[in-house]
Structures are given as C-alpha cells and as structure tokens.
C-alpha cells in the first residue's frame, strides 16, 4: 500500500541498499556484531521492496548513508550495479544516480544529464555502463564543474584492433 501511494504521489524511494550491504558484512563503516545481524535481516527485505517499487514504477534514486571514510565500502556505483542485478535495465540503474537523483534534489535544470548549458559534471570509465554497470566502480576520469578533478586515464587498457 505504501509503494502504491508513493507511485501516486510521485514520491522517491532512496533505499541506500549499498549501505545495508555494508551493514550486513564485516568491515566498512558499520563493523559491529549487532549491526551484522540487523543487516542480514534487512537485506532480503529491502531487495524485495526495491524490486516491487521498480515494478510499480516508483521513482528510485541511488543514495548511501555513509561518511565515505577510510573504512567505507559503500559507493553509489555499487548501488547502481545492485539495482541492475535486481531487474532494472543498466540504463534505469544508471539513471538512479544521474537523472533521477538530480530530479529528487530539484537540480535537473543544472545537472544529471550531459547537455549544453548544464554543469559539466561527468566521469569516464573503461567500458560501457549501459552493458555492464560494474564498470562504474573503476572511474578513470572525473570532471566537476568543467574541471578535471581526477585523471587516471593512463590506467585504461590500451585499445585493441
């Protein structure tokens, strides 16, 4: 009933699935025995919720609840890959972190897509995320506000004929 109401009202679901993966396993930001049990209980229920929300057409945006500190295992790229594993197309999964996230934050007029006049925020990866979203987990180039922030392009595989 809640998911149906969310669909009707245009409410977004931000499941922070990657954070619950972190909670359910050793290491990471939430490495506590009590949380391991809670995470193991939550993970299959959250997965089911995401799959049902997607089938109903509820807007889903990627997100994480972490400090991204030195122990963090959570990354939005992992959430995107998990969404694709749950039945979203790679494009739908990628949009949870781009167009849908921008829409949720009411920033779609400035970011979230690559278009003339929008902020020049983009990444480059060695592969096609529309075929395999896991390539997002090894970013080679980050452009933020039109400026190169990270350049690891020399790590890319050489092109083959």
C-alpha atoms as a PDB file:
ATOM      1  CA  UNK A   1       0.000   0.000   0.000  1.00  0.00           C
ATOM      2  CA  UNK A   2       2.848   2.377   0.826  1.00  0.00           C
ATOM      3  CA  UNK A   3       4.586   1.785  -2.502  1.00  0.00           C
ATOM      4  CA  UNK A   4       1.321   2.325  -4.377  1.00  0.00           C
ATOM      5  CA  UNK A   5       0.824   5.614  -2.549  1.00  0.00           C
ATOM      6  CA  UNK A   6       4.427   6.598  -3.325  1.00  0.00           C
ATOM      7  CA  UNK A   7       3.758   5.963  -7.027  1.00  0.00           C
ATOM      8  CA  UNK A   8       0.538   8.006  -6.911  1.00  0.00           C
ATOM      9  CA  UNK A   9       2.228  10.941  -5.154  1.00  0.00           C
ATOM     10  CA  UNK A  10       5.475  10.836  -7.182  1.00  0.00           C
ATOM     11  CA  UNK A  11       7.494  10.152  -4.034  1.00  0.00           C
ATOM     12  CA  UNK A  12      11.043   8.905  -4.450  1.00  0.00           C
ATOM     13  CA  UNK A  13      12.459   5.783  -2.831  1.00  0.00           C
ATOM     14  CA  UNK A  14      16.117   6.155  -1.842  1.00  0.00           C
ATOM     15  CA  UNK A  15      16.806   2.704  -0.424  1.00  0.00           C
ATOM     16  CA  UNK A  16      20.527   3.134   0.390  1.00  0.00           C
ATOM     17  CA  UNK A  17      20.879  -0.545  -0.499  1.00  0.00           C
ATOM     18  CA  UNK A  18      24.676  -0.329  -0.705  1.00  0.00           C
ATOM     19  CA  UNK A  19      24.764   0.896   2.894  1.00  0.00           C
ATOM     20  CA  UNK A  20      22.736  -2.095   4.062  1.00  0.00           C
ATOM     21  CA  UNK A  21      25.192  -4.351   2.212  1.00  0.00           C
ATOM     22  CA  UNK A  22      27.906  -2.621   4.266  1.00  0.00           C
ATOM     23  CA  UNK A  23      25.904  -3.158   7.468  1.00  0.00           C
ATOM     24  CA  UNK A  24      25.376  -6.856   6.648  1.00  0.00           C
ATOM     25  CA  UNK A  25      29.066  -7.680   6.182  1.00  0.00           C
ATOM     26  CA  UNK A  26      32.291  -7.348   8.131  1.00  0.00           C
ATOM     27  CA  UNK A  27      34.450  -4.270   7.652  1.00  0.00           C
ATOM     28  CA  UNK A  28      33.268  -0.943   6.366  1.00  0.00           C
ATOM     29  CA  UNK A  29      31.729   1.924   8.284  1.00  0.00           C
ATOM     30  CA  UNK A  30      29.352  -0.221  10.340  1.00  0.00           C
ATOM     31  CA  UNK A  31      31.532  -3.083  11.564  1.00  0.00           C
ATOM     32  CA  UNK A  32      29.632  -4.041  14.725  1.00  0.00           C
ATOM     33  CA  UNK A  33      28.282  -7.526  15.587  1.00  0.00           C
ATOM     34  CA  UNK A  34      24.765  -6.271  16.391  1.00  0.00           C
ATOM     35  CA  UNK A  35      24.577  -4.450  13.081  1.00  0.00           C
ATOM     36  CA  UNK A  36      25.740  -7.530  11.160  1.00  0.00           C
ATOM     37  CA  UNK A  37      22.659  -9.379  12.390  1.00  0.00           C
ATOM     38  CA  UNK A  38      20.364  -6.472  11.681  1.00  0.00           C
ATOM     39  CA  UNK A  39      21.810  -6.006   8.205  1.00  0.00           C
ATOM     40  CA  UNK A  40      21.444  -9.704   7.393  1.00  0.00           C
ATOM     41  CA  UNK A  41      17.777  -9.437   8.384  1.00  0.00           C
ATOM     42  CA  UNK A  42      17.192  -6.211   6.449  1.00  0.00           C
ATOM     43  CA  UNK A  43      18.958  -7.016   3.176  1.00  0.00           C
ATOM     44  CA  UNK A  44      16.486  -9.505   1.623  1.00  0.00           C
ATOM     45  CA  UNK A  45      13.514  -7.402   2.720  1.00  0.00           C
ATOM     46  CA  UNK A  46      14.999  -4.255   1.228  1.00  0.00           C
ATOM     47  CA  UNK A  47      15.810  -6.081  -2.009  1.00  0.00           C
ATOM     48  CA  UNK A  48      12.192  -7.215  -2.239  1.00  0.00           C
ATOM     49  CA  UNK A  49      10.966  -3.676  -1.596  1.00  0.00           C
ATOM     50  CA  UNK A  50      13.192  -2.261  -4.340  1.00  0.00           C
ATOM     51  CA  UNK A  51      12.047  -4.903  -6.826  1.00  0.00           C
ATOM     52  CA  UNK A  52       8.370  -4.253  -6.017  1.00  0.00           C
ATOM     53  CA  UNK A  53       8.853  -0.475  -6.199  1.00  0.00           C
ATOM     54  CA  UNK A  54      10.528  -0.793  -9.584  1.00  0.00           C
ATOM     55  CA  UNK A  55       7.702  -2.962 -10.944  1.00  0.00           C
ATOM     56  CA  UNK A  56       5.153  -0.420  -9.719  1.00  0.00           C
ATOM     57  CA  UNK A  57       7.031   2.469 -11.331  1.00  0.00           C
ATOM     58  CA  UNK A  58       8.036   4.225  -8.105  1.00  0.00           C
ATOM     59  CA  UNK A  59      10.841   6.693  -8.746  1.00  0.00           C
ATOM     60  CA  UNK A  60      14.080   5.298  -7.320  1.00  0.00           C
ATOM     61  CA  UNK A  61      17.231   7.322  -6.675  1.00  0.00           C
ATOM     62  CA  UNK A  62      20.601   5.934  -5.640  1.00  0.00           C
ATOM     63  CA  UNK A  63      21.980   7.039  -2.322  1.00  0.00           C
ATOM     64  CA  UNK A  64      24.218   5.983   0.528  1.00  0.00           C
ATOM     65  CA  UNK A  65      24.290   6.692   4.224  1.00  0.00           C
ATOM     66  CA  UNK A  66      27.994   6.741   4.915  1.00  0.00           C
ATOM     67  CA  UNK A  67      30.825   9.092   5.717  1.00  0.00           C
ATOM     68  CA  UNK A  68      32.957   7.702   2.862  1.00  0.00           C
ATOM     69  CA  UNK A  69      35.781   7.466   5.392  1.00  0.00           C
ATOM     70  CA  UNK A  70      38.851   5.234   5.100  1.00  0.00           C
ATOM     71  CA  UNK A  71      36.859   2.151   6.211  1.00  0.00           C
ATOM     72  CA  UNK A  72      33.904   2.780   3.914  1.00  0.00           C
ATOM     73  CA  UNK A  73      32.887   0.083   1.459  1.00  0.00           C
ATOM     74  CA  UNK A  74      29.803   1.927   0.201  1.00  0.00           C
ATOM     75  CA  UNK A  75      29.816   3.592  -3.186  1.00  0.00           C
ATOM     76  CA  UNK A  76      26.964   4.711  -5.403  1.00  0.00           C
ATOM     77  CA  UNK A  77      28.497   2.644  -8.210  1.00  0.00           C
ATOM     78  CA  UNK A  78      27.844  -0.481  -6.151  1.00  0.00           C
ATOM     79  CA  UNK A  79      24.244   0.541  -5.623  1.00  0.00           C
ATOM     80  CA  UNK A  80      23.782   1.074  -9.368  1.00  0.00           C
ATOM     81  CA  UNK A  81      25.211  -2.397 -10.073  1.00  0.00           C
ATOM     82  CA  UNK A  82      22.939  -3.936  -7.429  1.00  0.00           C
ATOM     83  CA  UNK A  83      19.889  -2.280  -8.980  1.00  0.00           C
ATOM     84  CA  UNK A  84      20.791  -3.825 -12.340  1.00  0.00           C
ATOM     85  CA  UNK A  85      21.087  -7.210 -10.612  1.00  0.00           C
ATOM     86  CA  UNK A  86      17.560  -6.675  -9.249  1.00  0.00           C
ATOM     87  CA  UNK A  87      15.983  -6.351 -12.661  1.00  0.00           C
ATOM     88  CA  UNK A  88      16.482  -2.741 -13.702  1.00  0.00           C
ATOM     89  CA  UNK A  89      17.972  -2.291 -17.121  1.00  0.00           C
ATOM     90  CA  UNK A  90      21.508  -0.905 -16.976  1.00  0.00           C
ATOM     91  CA  UNK A  91      20.113   2.427 -18.222  1.00  0.00           C
ATOM     92  CA  UNK A  92      17.449   2.527 -15.498  1.00  0.00           C
ATOM     93  CA  UNK A  93      20.062   1.652 -12.876  1.00  0.00           C
ATOM     94  CA  UNK A  94      22.416   4.390 -14.144  1.00  0.00           C
ATOM     95  CA  UNK A  95      19.571   6.910 -14.126  1.00  0.00           C
ATOM     96  CA  UNK A  96      19.020   6.313 -10.390  1.00  0.00           C
ATOM     97  CA  UNK A  97      22.382   8.032  -9.830  1.00  0.00           C
ATOM     98  CA  UNK A  98      22.043  10.687 -12.522  1.00  0.00           C
ATOM     99  CA  UNK A  99      18.718  11.965 -13.851  1.00  0.00           C
ATOM    100  CA  UNK A 100      16.572  10.585 -11.010  1.00  0.00           C
ATOM    101  CA  UNK A 101      18.944  11.826  -8.309  1.00  0.00           C
ATOM    102  CA  UNK A 102      19.013  15.281  -9.917  1.00  0.00           C
ATOM    103  CA  UNK A 103      15.209  15.302 -10.142  1.00  0.00           C
ATOM    104  CA  UNK A 104      14.886  14.261  -6.489  1.00  0.00           C
ATOM    105  CA  UNK A 105      17.134  17.142  -5.457  1.00  0.00           C
ATOM    106  CA  UNK A 106      15.340  19.507  -7.864  1.00  0.00           C
ATOM    107  CA  UNK A 107      18.616  20.072  -9.706  1.00  0.00           C
ATOM    108  CA  UNK A 108      17.573  18.603 -13.058  1.00  0.00           C
ATOM    109  CA  UNK A 109      17.870  22.031 -14.710  1.00  0.00           C
ATOM    110  CA  UNK A 110      21.560  22.224 -13.813  1.00  0.00           C
ATOM    111  CA  UNK A 111      22.871  18.652 -13.626  1.00  0.00           C
ATOM    112  CA  UNK A 112      22.039  14.981 -14.061  1.00  0.00           C
ATOM    113  CA  UNK A 113      22.458  14.774 -17.833  1.00  0.00           C
ATOM    114  CA  UNK A 114      25.093  15.747 -20.353  1.00  0.00           C
ATOM    115  CA  UNK A 115      23.648  18.691 -22.238  1.00  0.00           C
ATOM    116  CA  UNK A 116      24.598  22.176 -23.370  1.00  0.00           C
ATOM    117  CA  UNK A 117      24.128  24.680 -20.568  1.00  0.00           C
ATOM    118  CA  UNK A 118      24.230  22.172 -17.717  1.00  0.00           C
ATOM    119  CA  UNK A 119      27.076  21.767 -15.248  1.00  0.00           C
ATOM    120  CA  UNK A 120      29.960  19.845 -16.767  1.00  0.00           C
ATOM    121  CA  UNK A 121      29.989  17.043 -14.191  1.00  0.00           C
ATOM    122  CA  UNK A 122      30.888  13.679 -15.655  1.00  0.00           C
ATOM    123  CA  UNK A 123      33.039  10.610 -15.338  1.00  0.00           C
ATOM    124  CA  UNK A 124      34.826   8.323 -17.777  1.00  0.00           C
ATOM    125  CA  UNK A 125      35.178   4.592 -17.260  1.00  0.00           C
ATOM    126  CA  UNK A 126      36.840   1.783 -19.181  1.00  0.00           C
ATOM    127  CA  UNK A 127      33.749   0.156 -20.614  1.00  0.00           C
ATOM    128  CA  UNK A 128      30.114   0.770 -21.336  1.00  0.00           C
ATOM    129  CA  UNK A 129      27.936   1.099 -18.215  1.00  0.00           C
ATOM    130  CA  UNK A 130      24.885   0.513 -20.403  1.00  0.00           C
ATOM    131  CA  UNK A 131      26.198  -3.002 -20.957  1.00  0.00           C
ATOM    132  CA  UNK A 132      27.819  -3.579 -17.568  1.00  0.00           C
ATOM    133  CA  UNK A 133      27.155  -1.083 -14.753  1.00  0.00           C
ATOM    134  CA  UNK A 134      30.033  -2.593 -12.749  1.00  0.00           C
ATOM    135  CA  UNK A 135      32.491  -0.578 -14.851  1.00  0.00           C
ATOM    136  CA  UNK A 136      31.370   2.442 -12.803  1.00  0.00           C
ATOM    137  CA  UNK A 137      33.331   1.022  -9.868  1.00  0.00           C
ATOM    138  CA  UNK A 138      36.659   1.951 -11.502  1.00  0.00           C
ATOM    139  CA  UNK A 139      36.411   5.603 -12.505  1.00  0.00           C
ATOM    140  CA  UNK A 140      39.288   6.828 -14.672  1.00  0.00           C
ATOM    141  CA  UNK A 141      38.340  10.492 -15.103  1.00  0.00           C
ATOM    142  CA  UNK A 142      36.235  12.882 -13.032  1.00  0.00           C
ATOM    143  CA  UNK A 143      35.207  16.259 -14.409  1.00  0.00           C
ATOM    144  CA  UNK A 144      33.500  18.502 -11.864  1.00  0.00           C
ATOM    145  CA  UNK A 145      32.180  21.934 -12.793  1.00  0.00           C
ATOM    146  CA  UNK A 146      34.045  21.687 -16.078  1.00  0.00           C
ATOM    147  CA  UNK A 147      37.423  20.988 -14.471  1.00  0.00           C
ATOM    148  CA  UNK A 148      39.349  17.741 -14.321  1.00  0.00           C
ATOM    149  CA  UNK A 149      39.348  16.607 -10.691  1.00  0.00           C
ATOM    150  CA  UNK A 150      40.777  13.095 -11.154  1.00  0.00           C
ATOM    151  CA  UNK A 151      42.728  11.813 -14.148  1.00  0.00           C
ATOM    152  CA  UNK A 152      43.612   8.122 -14.146  1.00  0.00           C
ATOM    153  CA  UNK A 153      43.230   7.681 -17.906  1.00  0.00           C
ATOM    154  CA  UNK A 154      46.736   6.224 -18.124  1.00  0.00           C
ATOM    155  CA  UNK A 155      45.324   3.197 -16.254  1.00  0.00           C
ATOM    156  CA  UNK A 156      42.895   2.438 -19.093  1.00  0.00           C
ATOM    157  CA  UNK A 157      43.509  -0.677 -21.147  1.00  0.00           C
ATOM    158  CA  UNK A 158      45.182   0.023 -24.465  1.00  0.00           C
ATOM    159  CA  UNK A 159      42.804  -0.111 -27.415  1.00  0.00           C
ATOM    160  CA  UNK A 160      42.961  -3.284 -29.479  1.00  0.00           C
ATOM    161  CA  UNK A 161      42.132  -3.668 -33.164  1.00  0.00           C
END
